[in-house]
Amino acid sequence: MFEVYDIAIIPLILGVVELFKRGGLPVKYSPFVAVGVGLLFGLLYLDTEIKQRIIIGLMLGLSATGLYSGSKNITQKKE
């Protein structure tokens, strides 16, 4: 079952995506990688039925994407 402390997976997803970007992945593909990594975490890490793993994995990947996008928007200078 998904526990509150499993939210710590989101920064891990951000870290994995950052590794991909430093390895040469174009930034525009980072949301797709985040969702894919979230799905992998959901499928491999959680111990529930498969439907819940997929939904939670998507939620984690999309949350990581939103966290990255939101923090990027806050830190960018307004033109």
Protein backbone atom coordinates (compact mmCIF):
# COMPACT_ATOMS: atom_id res chain seq x y z
CA MET A 1 0.00 0.00 0.00
CA PHE A 2 1.11 3.56 -0.66
CA GLU A 3 2.26 5.34 2.48
CA VAL A 4 2.84 9.03 3.12
CA TYR A 5 6.60 8.54 3.36
CA ASP A 6 6.59 7.13 -0.18
CA ILE A 7 6.27 10.75 -1.35
CA ALA A 8 10.06 10.81 -0.90
CA ILE A 9 10.19 9.01 -4.25
CA ILE A 10 9.42 12.30 -6.02
CA PRO A 11 12.84 13.88 -5.30
CA LEU A 12 14.44 10.58 -6.35
CA ILE A 13 12.65 10.83 -9.69
CA LEU A 14 13.91 14.41 -10.05
CA GLY A 15 17.44 13.19 -9.38
CA VAL A 16 17.19 10.43 -11.98
CA VAL A 17 15.83 12.88 -14.56
CA GLU A 18 18.68 15.27 -13.76
CA LEU A 19 21.16 12.46 -14.40
CA PHE A 20 19.55 11.83 -17.79
CA LYS A 21 19.74 15.56 -18.63
CA ARG A 22 23.41 15.72 -17.68
CA GLY A 23 23.93 12.63 -19.85
CA GLY A 24 22.68 14.56 -22.87
CA LEU A 25 18.90 14.20 -22.79
CA PRO A 26 17.22 17.31 -24.27
CA VAL A 27 15.29 19.20 -21.58
CA LYS A 28 12.05 19.01 -23.56
CA TYR A 29 11.97 15.22 -23.02
CA SER A 30 12.47 15.36 -19.26
CA PRO A 31 8.71 15.21 -18.42
CA PHE A 32 8.41 11.95 -20.38
CA VAL A 33 11.39 10.49 -18.55
CA ALA A 34 9.90 11.60 -15.20
CA VAL A 35 6.61 9.86 -15.96
CA GLY A 36 8.45 6.74 -17.15
CA VAL A 37 10.62 6.61 -14.05
CA GLY A 38 7.54 7.20 -11.89
CA LEU A 39 5.84 4.25 -13.55
CA LEU A 40 8.91 2.09 -12.96
CA PHE A 41 9.00 3.04 -9.29
CA GLY A 42 5.29 2.33 -9.02
CA LEU A 43 5.56 -1.05 -10.70
CA LEU A 44 8.74 -2.23 -9.00
CA TYR A 45 8.60 -0.64 -5.55
CA LEU A 46 4.97 -0.76 -4.45
CA ASP A 47 3.29 -3.88 -3.17
CA THR A 48 -0.32 -3.53 -4.35
CA GLU A 49 -2.35 -4.71 -7.29
CA ILE A 50 -1.14 -3.69 -10.74
CA LYS A 51 -3.81 -1.01 -11.37
CA GLN A 52 -2.84 0.83 -8.21
CA ARG A 53 0.85 0.58 -9.05
CA ILE A 54 0.27 2.15 -12.46
CA ILE A 55 -1.89 4.98 -11.13
CA ILE A 56 0.45 5.77 -8.24
CA GLY A 57 3.48 5.58 -10.58
CA LEU A 58 1.84 8.05 -12.95
CA MET A 59 0.98 10.29 -10.02
CA LEU A 60 4.58 10.27 -8.79
CA GLY A 61 6.02 10.99 -12.24
CA LEU A 62 3.57 13.79 -12.94
CA SER A 63 4.16 15.24 -9.47
CA ALA A 64 7.90 15.30 -10.11
CA THR A 65 7.28 17.03 -13.43
CA GLY A 66 5.08 19.65 -11.77
CA LEU A 67 7.58 20.21 -8.97
CA TYR A 68 10.36 20.79 -11.48
CA SER A 69 8.22 23.07 -13.64
CA GLY A 70 6.89 25.05 -10.70
CA SER A 71 10.30 25.64 -9.15
CA LYS A 72 11.73 26.58 -12.54
CA ASN A 73 8.96 29.15 -13.07
CA ILE A 74 9.57 30.68 -9.65
CA THR A 75 13.32 31.02 -10.16
CA GLN A 76 13.17 32.43 -13.69
CA LYS A 77 13.45 36.17 -14.09
CA LYS A 78 10.35 37.93 -15.37
CA GLU A 79 10.87 39.68 -18.65
